[in-house]
């Protein structure tokens, strides 16, 4: 598979695939003319890489973990790294659940009401409030015709 096809099927940019290659996360074969060719498994590999990034693992850690994915085997140090990362993710999940629960509490105790003043950035698109018209000196100098 060529790089564009992998990118399309994995839902990433070609640039991301090149970055993964630079980081040692993805290794394509090269044709005689230098074109990258990926196996079918590259799409799954890209998804795994993205999941690990989303979970907060840096590329240097992902590179160290990929041999375990490929062979199903790990050294004791590698297994400990896997366990440590899983524990870190579990802690993050707990913290996210706590934040969600706090939001649920705020939502449950909040009354919805219409108010004249809304904080910046909370207005819905297209729902602009009319600005008050200024008169007299507050209005400033008259506009000149253009």
N, C-alpha and C. Protein backbone atom coordinates (compact mmCIF):
# COMPACT_ATOMS: atom_id res chain seq x y z
N UNK A 1 0.84 -1.16 0.00
CA UNK A 1 0.00 0.00 0.00
C UNK A 1 0.89 1.24 0.00
N UNK A 2 0.50 2.24 -0.73
CA UNK A 2 1.26 3.49 -0.76
C UNK A 2 0.87 4.38 0.41
N UNK A 3 1.69 5.38 0.67
CA UNK A 3 1.52 6.23 1.83
C UNK A 3 0.17 6.95 1.85
N UNK A 4 -0.29 7.42 0.69
CA UNK A 4 -1.58 8.12 0.62
C UNK A 4 -2.74 7.21 0.98
N UNK A 5 -2.67 5.96 0.56
CA UNK A 5 -3.74 5.02 0.87
C UNK A 5 -3.76 4.69 2.36
N UNK A 6 -2.60 4.50 2.96
CA UNK A 6 -2.53 4.24 4.40
C UNK A 6 -3.09 5.44 5.16
N UNK A 7 -2.68 6.63 4.75
CA UNK A 7 -3.17 7.84 5.40
C UNK A 7 -4.69 7.93 5.33
N UNK A 8 -5.25 7.68 4.16
CA UNK A 8 -6.71 7.77 3.99
C UNK A 8 -7.42 6.71 4.83
N UNK A 9 -6.93 5.49 4.79
CA UNK A 9 -7.58 4.40 5.53
C UNK A 9 -7.44 4.56 7.05
N UNK A 10 -6.33 5.15 7.49
CA UNK A 10 -6.11 5.32 8.93
C UNK A 10 -6.68 6.64 9.44
N UNK A 11 -7.05 7.52 8.52
CA UNK A 11 -7.62 8.81 8.93
C UNK A 11 -6.58 9.78 9.47
N UNK A 12 -5.37 9.72 8.93
CA UNK A 12 -4.30 10.63 9.35
C UNK A 12 -3.72 11.29 8.10
N UNK A 13 -2.87 12.26 8.32
CA UNK A 13 -2.22 12.92 7.19
C UNK A 13 -0.98 12.15 6.77
N UNK A 14 -0.57 12.38 5.55
CA UNK A 14 0.68 11.82 5.05
C UNK A 14 1.84 12.33 5.91
N UNK A 15 1.74 13.57 6.31
CA UNK A 15 2.78 14.16 7.16
C UNK A 15 2.91 13.39 8.47
N UNK A 16 1.77 12.98 9.06
CA UNK A 16 1.80 12.21 10.31
C UNK A 16 2.53 10.89 10.09
N UNK A 17 2.28 10.23 8.97
CA UNK A 17 2.95 8.96 8.68
C UNK A 17 4.46 9.16 8.54
N UNK A 18 4.84 10.24 7.91
CA UNK A 18 6.27 10.53 7.78
C UNK A 18 6.89 10.79 9.15
N UNK A 19 6.15 11.48 10.01
CA UNK A 19 6.64 11.73 11.37
C UNK A 19 6.79 10.41 12.12
N UNK A 20 5.79 9.53 12.02
CA UNK A 20 5.87 8.23 12.68
C UNK A 20 7.10 7.46 12.20
N UNK A 21 7.39 7.58 10.91
CA UNK A 21 8.57 6.92 10.37
C UNK A 21 9.85 7.52 10.96
N UNK A 22 9.91 8.85 11.04
CA UNK A 22 11.08 9.52 11.62
C UNK A 22 11.31 9.08 13.07
N UNK A 23 10.21 8.86 13.79
CA UNK A 23 10.30 8.48 15.20
C UNK A 23 10.58 6.99 15.39
N UNK A 24 10.59 6.23 14.30
CA UNK A 24 10.83 4.79 14.40
C UNK A 24 9.59 3.99 14.77
N UNK A 25 8.43 4.60 14.63
CA UNK A 25 7.17 3.94 14.98
C UNK A 25 6.59 3.12 13.84
N UNK A 26 6.96 3.47 12.64
CA UNK A 26 6.41 2.84 11.44
C UNK A 26 7.54 2.69 10.44
N UNK A 27 7.69 1.49 9.88
CA UNK A 27 8.80 1.25 8.96
C UNK A 27 8.28 0.68 7.65
N UNK A 28 8.20 1.51 6.62
CA UNK A 28 7.76 1.02 5.33
C UNK A 28 8.91 0.39 4.55
N UNK A 29 8.56 -0.44 3.60
CA UNK A 29 9.56 -0.92 2.64
C UNK A 29 9.72 0.19 1.60
N UNK A 30 10.81 0.18 0.90
CA UNK A 30 11.04 1.19 -0.13
C UNK A 30 11.22 0.51 -1.48
N UNK A 31 10.61 1.11 -2.50
CA UNK A 31 10.79 0.60 -3.86
C UNK A 31 12.15 1.07 -4.38
N UNK A 32 12.52 0.59 -5.54
CA UNK A 32 13.79 1.00 -6.15
C UNK A 32 13.82 2.51 -6.39
N UNK A 33 12.65 3.09 -6.62
CA UNK A 33 12.59 4.53 -6.85
C UNK A 33 12.41 5.31 -5.55
N UNK A 34 12.39 4.64 -4.41
CA UNK A 34 12.31 5.31 -3.12
C UNK A 34 10.91 5.51 -2.57
N UNK A 35 9.91 5.01 -3.28
CA UNK A 35 8.54 5.16 -2.79
C UNK A 35 8.30 4.24 -1.59
N UNK A 36 7.51 4.75 -0.65
CA UNK A 36 7.17 3.96 0.53
C UNK A 36 6.06 2.97 0.19
N UNK A 37 6.20 1.75 0.70
CA UNK A 37 5.16 0.74 0.56
C UNK A 37 4.92 0.11 1.92
N UNK A 38 3.66 0.10 2.32
CA UNK A 38 3.28 -0.38 3.66
C UNK A 38 2.49 -1.67 3.55
N UNK A 39 2.62 -2.55 4.53
CA UNK A 39 1.78 -3.75 4.56
C UNK A 39 0.37 -3.38 5.04
N UNK A 40 -0.58 -4.28 4.85
CA UNK A 40 -1.95 -4.06 5.32
C UNK A 40 -2.00 -3.74 6.81
N UNK A 41 -1.09 -4.33 7.56
CA UNK A 41 -1.09 -4.15 9.02
C UNK A 41 -0.72 -2.72 9.44
N UNK A 42 -0.25 -1.91 8.51
CA UNK A 42 0.16 -0.54 8.85
C UNK A 42 -1.00 0.30 9.37
N UNK A 43 -2.20 0.06 8.86
CA UNK A 43 -3.37 0.83 9.30
C UNK A 43 -3.64 0.55 10.78
N UNK A 44 -3.59 -0.72 11.17
CA UNK A 44 -3.78 -1.06 12.59
C UNK A 44 -2.65 -0.48 13.43
N UNK A 45 -1.44 -0.50 12.92
CA UNK A 45 -0.30 0.05 13.65
C UNK A 45 -0.50 1.54 13.89
N UNK A 46 -0.97 2.25 12.87
CA UNK A 46 -1.22 3.68 13.01
C UNK A 46 -2.30 3.93 14.07
N UNK A 47 -3.35 3.13 14.06
CA UNK A 47 -4.40 3.28 15.08
C UNK A 47 -3.83 3.06 16.47
N UNK A 48 -3.00 2.05 16.63
CA UNK A 48 -2.36 1.79 17.92
C UNK A 48 -1.50 2.97 18.35
N UNK A 49 -0.71 3.49 17.45
CA UNK A 49 0.15 4.64 17.74
C UNK A 49 -0.70 5.82 18.21
N UNK A 50 -1.79 6.07 17.50
CA UNK A 50 -2.66 7.18 17.88
C UNK A 50 -3.29 6.96 19.26
N UNK A 51 -3.69 5.74 19.55
CA UNK A 51 -4.25 5.44 20.86
C UNK A 51 -3.22 5.70 21.96
N UNK A 52 -2.00 5.28 21.72
CA UNK A 52 -0.97 5.47 22.72
C UNK A 52 -0.64 6.95 22.92
N UNK A 53 -0.59 7.71 21.82
CA UNK A 53 -0.40 9.16 21.95
C UNK A 53 -1.56 9.77 22.73
N UNK A 54 -2.78 9.39 22.40
CA UNK A 54 -3.95 9.93 23.09
C UNK A 54 -3.93 9.60 24.58
N UNK A 55 -3.33 8.48 24.93
CA UNK A 55 -3.24 8.07 26.34
C UNK A 55 -2.08 8.77 27.05
N UNK A 56 -1.32 9.57 26.31
CA UNK A 56 -0.25 10.35 26.93
C UNK A 56 1.13 9.75 26.85
N UNK A 57 1.30 8.67 26.08
CA UNK A 57 2.63 8.07 25.96
C UNK A 57 3.44 8.86 24.94
N UNK A 58 4.68 9.19 25.25
CA UNK A 58 5.53 9.86 24.26
C UNK A 58 6.05 8.84 23.24
N UNK A 59 6.49 9.33 22.10
CA UNK A 59 6.95 8.43 21.03
C UNK A 59 8.10 7.54 21.49
N UNK A 60 8.98 8.06 22.33
CA UNK A 60 10.12 7.22 22.78
C UNK A 60 9.65 6.02 23.58
N UNK A 61 8.55 6.16 24.32
CA UNK A 61 7.99 5.04 25.08
C UNK A 61 7.26 4.08 24.13
N UNK A 62 6.53 4.63 23.19
CA UNK A 62 5.81 3.79 22.23
C UNK A 62 6.79 2.92 21.45
N UNK A 63 7.91 3.51 21.02
CA UNK A 63 8.94 2.75 20.29
C UNK A 63 9.41 1.57 21.13
N UNK A 64 9.59 1.79 22.42
CA UNK A 64 10.06 0.72 23.30
C UNK A 64 9.01 -0.38 23.47
N UNK A 65 7.73 -0.01 23.36
CA UNK A 65 6.66 -0.98 23.57
C UNK A 65 6.30 -1.79 22.32
N UNK A 66 6.60 -1.26 21.15
CA UNK A 66 6.19 -1.92 19.91
C UNK A 66 6.73 -3.34 19.73
N UNK A 67 7.97 -3.64 20.15
CA UNK A 67 8.42 -5.03 20.02
C UNK A 67 7.53 -6.01 20.79
N UNK A 68 6.99 -5.59 21.92
CA UNK A 68 6.07 -6.45 22.67
C UNK A 68 4.80 -6.72 21.86
N UNK A 69 4.35 -5.70 21.15
CA UNK A 69 3.16 -5.84 20.31
C UNK A 69 3.46 -6.82 19.18
N UNK A 70 4.63 -6.69 18.59
CA UNK A 70 4.99 -7.50 17.43
C UNK A 70 5.27 -8.97 17.78
N UNK A 71 5.94 -9.19 18.91
CA UNK A 71 6.36 -10.56 19.24
C UNK A 71 5.52 -11.22 20.33
N UNK A 72 4.82 -10.40 21.12
CA UNK A 72 4.08 -10.96 22.25
C UNK A 72 4.98 -11.32 23.41
N UNK A 73 6.23 -10.88 23.36
CA UNK A 73 7.19 -11.18 24.41
C UNK A 73 7.76 -9.87 24.96
N UNK A 74 8.17 -9.93 26.25
CA UNK A 74 8.75 -8.75 26.88
C UNK A 74 9.79 -9.16 27.89
N UNK A 75 10.77 -8.31 28.05
CA UNK A 75 11.74 -8.50 29.13
C UNK A 75 11.06 -8.07 30.42
N UNK A 76 11.60 -8.42 31.57
CA UNK A 76 11.01 -7.95 32.83
C UNK A 76 10.92 -6.42 32.89
N UNK A 77 11.94 -5.73 32.40
CA UNK A 77 11.92 -4.26 32.40
C UNK A 77 10.80 -3.73 31.49
N UNK A 78 10.63 -4.38 30.35
CA UNK A 78 9.57 -3.95 29.42
C UNK A 78 8.19 -4.21 30.02
N UNK A 79 8.03 -5.36 30.65
CA UNK A 79 6.76 -5.67 31.29
C UNK A 79 6.46 -4.64 32.38
N UNK A 80 7.48 -4.23 33.14
CA UNK A 80 7.27 -3.22 34.17
C UNK A 80 6.86 -1.89 33.56
N UNK A 81 7.46 -1.53 32.43
CA UNK A 81 7.07 -0.30 31.74
C UNK A 81 5.61 -0.37 31.30
N UNK A 82 5.21 -1.51 30.75
CA UNK A 82 3.81 -1.70 30.35
C UNK A 82 2.88 -1.53 31.55
N UNK A 83 3.23 -2.15 32.66
CA UNK A 83 2.41 -2.06 33.88
C UNK A 83 2.36 -0.62 34.41
N UNK A 84 3.50 0.05 34.39
CA UNK A 84 3.55 1.44 34.86
C UNK A 84 2.67 2.35 34.01
N UNK A 85 2.72 2.16 32.70
CA UNK A 85 1.89 2.99 31.80
C UNK A 85 0.41 2.69 32.01
N UNK A 86 0.08 1.42 32.18
CA UNK A 86 -1.32 1.07 32.44
C UNK A 86 -1.80 1.70 33.74
N UNK A 87 -0.97 1.67 34.79
CA UNK A 87 -1.34 2.27 36.07
C UNK A 87 -1.52 3.78 35.95
N UNK A 88 -0.65 4.42 35.17
CA UNK A 88 -0.77 5.87 34.95
C UNK A 88 -2.08 6.20 34.25
N UNK A 89 -2.42 5.39 33.25
CA UNK A 89 -3.68 5.59 32.53
C UNK A 89 -4.87 5.37 33.47
N UNK A 90 -4.79 4.36 34.32
CA UNK A 90 -5.86 4.13 35.30
C UNK A 90 -6.04 5.34 36.22
N UNK A 91 -4.93 5.94 36.65
CA UNK A 91 -5.03 7.14 37.49
C UNK A 91 -5.69 8.28 36.72
N UNK A 92 -5.31 8.44 35.46
CA UNK A 92 -5.91 9.49 34.64
C UNK A 92 -7.41 9.25 34.48
N UNK A 93 -7.80 8.00 34.27
CA UNK A 93 -9.22 7.68 34.13
C UNK A 93 -9.97 8.05 35.40
N UNK A 94 -9.37 7.77 36.55
CA UNK A 94 -9.99 8.13 37.82
C UNK A 94 -10.15 9.63 37.96
N UNK A 95 -9.12 10.37 37.58
CA UNK A 95 -9.18 11.83 37.65
C UNK A 95 -10.24 12.38 36.69
N UNK A 96 -10.34 11.81 35.51
CA UNK A 96 -11.36 12.24 34.55
C UNK A 96 -12.76 11.92 35.07
N UNK A 97 -12.92 10.76 35.69
CA UNK A 97 -14.22 10.39 36.26
C UNK A 97 -14.59 11.36 37.38
N UNK A 98 -13.62 11.75 38.20
CA UNK A 98 -13.87 12.73 39.27
C UNK A 98 -14.31 14.06 38.68
N UNK A 99 -13.64 14.51 37.62
CA UNK A 99 -13.99 15.77 36.97
C UNK A 99 -15.40 15.68 36.37
N UNK A 100 -15.72 14.56 35.75
CA UNK A 100 -17.06 14.37 35.19
C UNK A 100 -18.11 14.41 36.30
N UNK A 101 -17.83 13.75 37.42
CA UNK A 101 -18.77 13.75 38.54
C UNK A 101 -18.98 15.15 39.08
N UNK A 102 -17.92 15.95 39.14
CA UNK A 102 -18.07 17.33 39.62
C UNK A 102 -18.93 18.13 38.65
N UNK A 103 -18.73 17.91 37.36
CA UNK A 103 -19.57 18.59 36.36
C UNK A 103 -21.02 18.14 36.49
N UNK A 104 -21.24 16.86 36.72
CA UNK A 104 -22.61 16.37 36.92
C UNK A 104 -23.27 17.07 38.10
N UNK A 105 -22.51 17.28 39.18
CA UNK A 105 -23.04 17.98 40.35
C UNK A 105 -23.41 19.42 40.01
N UNK A 106 -22.54 20.08 39.27
CA UNK A 106 -22.82 21.46 38.86
C UNK A 106 -24.04 21.50 37.96
N UNK A 107 -24.11 20.59 37.01
CA UNK A 107 -25.25 20.53 36.09
C UNK A 107 -26.55 20.30 36.85
N UNK A 108 -26.53 19.36 37.79
CA UNK A 108 -27.74 19.01 38.54
C UNK A 108 -28.20 20.16 39.44
N UNK A 109 -27.28 21.00 39.90
CA UNK A 109 -27.66 22.07 40.82
C UNK A 109 -27.81 23.42 40.13
N UNK A 110 -27.70 23.44 38.82
CA UNK A 110 -27.78 24.69 38.08
C UNK A 110 -29.18 24.87 37.51
N UNK A 111 -29.72 26.06 37.72
CA UNK A 111 -31.03 26.40 37.16
C UNK A 111 -30.78 27.11 35.84
N UNK A 112 -31.55 26.76 34.86
CA UNK A 112 -31.43 27.40 33.55
C UNK A 112 -32.35 28.61 33.55
N UNK A 113 -31.78 29.74 33.23
CA UNK A 113 -32.59 30.95 33.15
C UNK A 113 -32.03 31.84 32.06
N UNK A 114 -32.85 32.68 31.59
CA UNK A 114 -32.44 33.62 30.57
C UNK A 114 -31.85 34.83 31.27
N UNK A 115 -30.72 35.30 30.81
CA UNK A 115 -30.14 36.48 31.44
C UNK A 115 -29.70 37.46 30.37
N UNK A 116 -29.69 38.72 30.76
CA UNK A 116 -29.34 39.78 29.82
C UNK A 116 -27.86 39.79 29.50
N UNK A 117 -27.06 39.38 30.46
CA UNK A 117 -25.62 39.41 30.24
C UNK A 117 -25.08 37.99 30.17
N UNK A 118 -24.35 37.71 29.10
CA UNK A 118 -23.71 36.41 28.96
C UNK A 118 -22.22 36.63 28.90
N UNK A 119 -21.44 35.75 29.55
CA UNK A 119 -19.98 35.88 29.45
C UNK A 119 -19.53 35.77 27.99
N UNK A 120 -18.44 36.44 27.65
CA UNK A 120 -17.93 36.36 26.27
C UNK A 120 -17.72 34.91 25.85
N UNK A 121 -18.06 34.64 24.60
CA UNK A 121 -17.84 33.30 24.05
C UNK A 121 -18.96 32.32 24.33
N UNK A 122 -20.02 32.76 25.04
CA UNK A 122 -21.10 31.82 25.34
C UNK A 122 -22.32 32.05 24.46
N UNK A 123 -22.28 33.08 23.63
CA UNK A 123 -23.40 33.31 22.75
C UNK A 123 -23.39 32.31 21.61
N UNK A 124 -24.58 31.91 21.22
CA UNK A 124 -24.68 31.01 20.08
C UNK A 124 -24.43 31.79 18.80
N UNK A 125 -23.85 31.14 17.78
CA UNK A 125 -23.63 31.82 16.51
C UNK A 125 -24.95 32.33 15.95
N UNK A 126 -24.93 33.55 15.46
CA UNK A 126 -26.12 34.12 14.86
C UNK A 126 -27.07 34.72 15.87
N UNK A 127 -26.74 34.70 17.15
CA UNK A 127 -27.64 35.24 18.17
C UNK A 127 -27.03 36.49 18.79
N UNK A 128 -26.61 37.39 17.97
CA UNK A 128 -25.97 38.59 18.46
C UNK A 128 -27.01 39.52 19.07
N UNK A 129 -26.68 40.03 20.23
CA UNK A 129 -27.57 41.02 20.86
C UNK A 129 -27.33 42.35 20.18
N UNK A 130 -28.39 43.14 20.00
CA UNK A 130 -28.17 44.46 19.40
C UNK A 130 -27.37 45.34 20.37
N UNK A 131 -26.48 46.11 19.81
CA UNK A 131 -25.69 47.03 20.62
C UNK A 131 -26.52 48.28 20.89
N UNK A 132 -26.37 48.84 22.08
CA UNK A 132 -27.12 50.08 22.35
C UNK A 132 -26.60 51.21 21.47
N UNK A 133 -27.51 52.06 21.05
CA UNK A 133 -27.12 53.20 20.22
C UNK A 133 -26.67 54.33 21.12
N UNK A 134 -25.53 54.88 20.79
CA UNK A 134 -25.01 56.00 21.55
C UNK A 134 -25.46 57.30 20.90
N UNK A 135 -25.74 58.27 21.75
CA UNK A 135 -26.18 59.56 21.22
C UNK A 135 -25.32 60.65 21.80
N UNK A 136 -25.36 61.77 21.19
CA UNK A 136 -24.63 62.93 21.70
C UNK A 136 -23.13 62.73 21.62
N UNK A 137 -22.42 63.28 22.62
CA UNK A 137 -20.96 63.24 22.64
C UNK A 137 -20.44 61.81 22.75
N UNK A 138 -21.22 60.94 23.40
CA UNK A 138 -20.79 59.54 23.56
C UNK A 138 -20.72 58.81 22.21
N UNK A 139 -21.46 59.33 21.23
CA UNK A 139 -21.49 58.64 19.93
C UNK A 139 -20.22 58.92 19.13
N UNK A 140 -19.46 59.96 19.49
CA UNK A 140 -18.24 60.26 18.77
C UNK A 140 -18.51 61.13 17.57
N UNK A 141 -17.49 61.38 16.77
CA UNK A 141 -17.69 62.26 15.61
C UNK A 141 -18.57 61.58 14.57
N UNK A 142 -19.29 62.38 13.81
CA UNK A 142 -20.16 61.79 12.77
C UNK A 142 -19.34 61.07 11.72
N UNK A 143 -19.92 60.04 11.14
CA UNK A 143 -19.25 59.29 10.08
C UNK A 143 -19.24 60.11 8.80
N UNK A 144 -18.14 60.01 8.09
CA UNK A 144 -18.06 60.71 6.81
C UNK A 144 -18.49 59.75 5.72
N UNK A 145 -19.19 60.23 4.73
CA UNK A 145 -19.59 59.37 3.62
C UNK A 145 -18.35 58.83 2.89
N UNK A 146 -18.44 57.60 2.44
CA UNK A 146 -17.30 57.02 1.75
C UNK A 146 -17.43 57.06 0.27
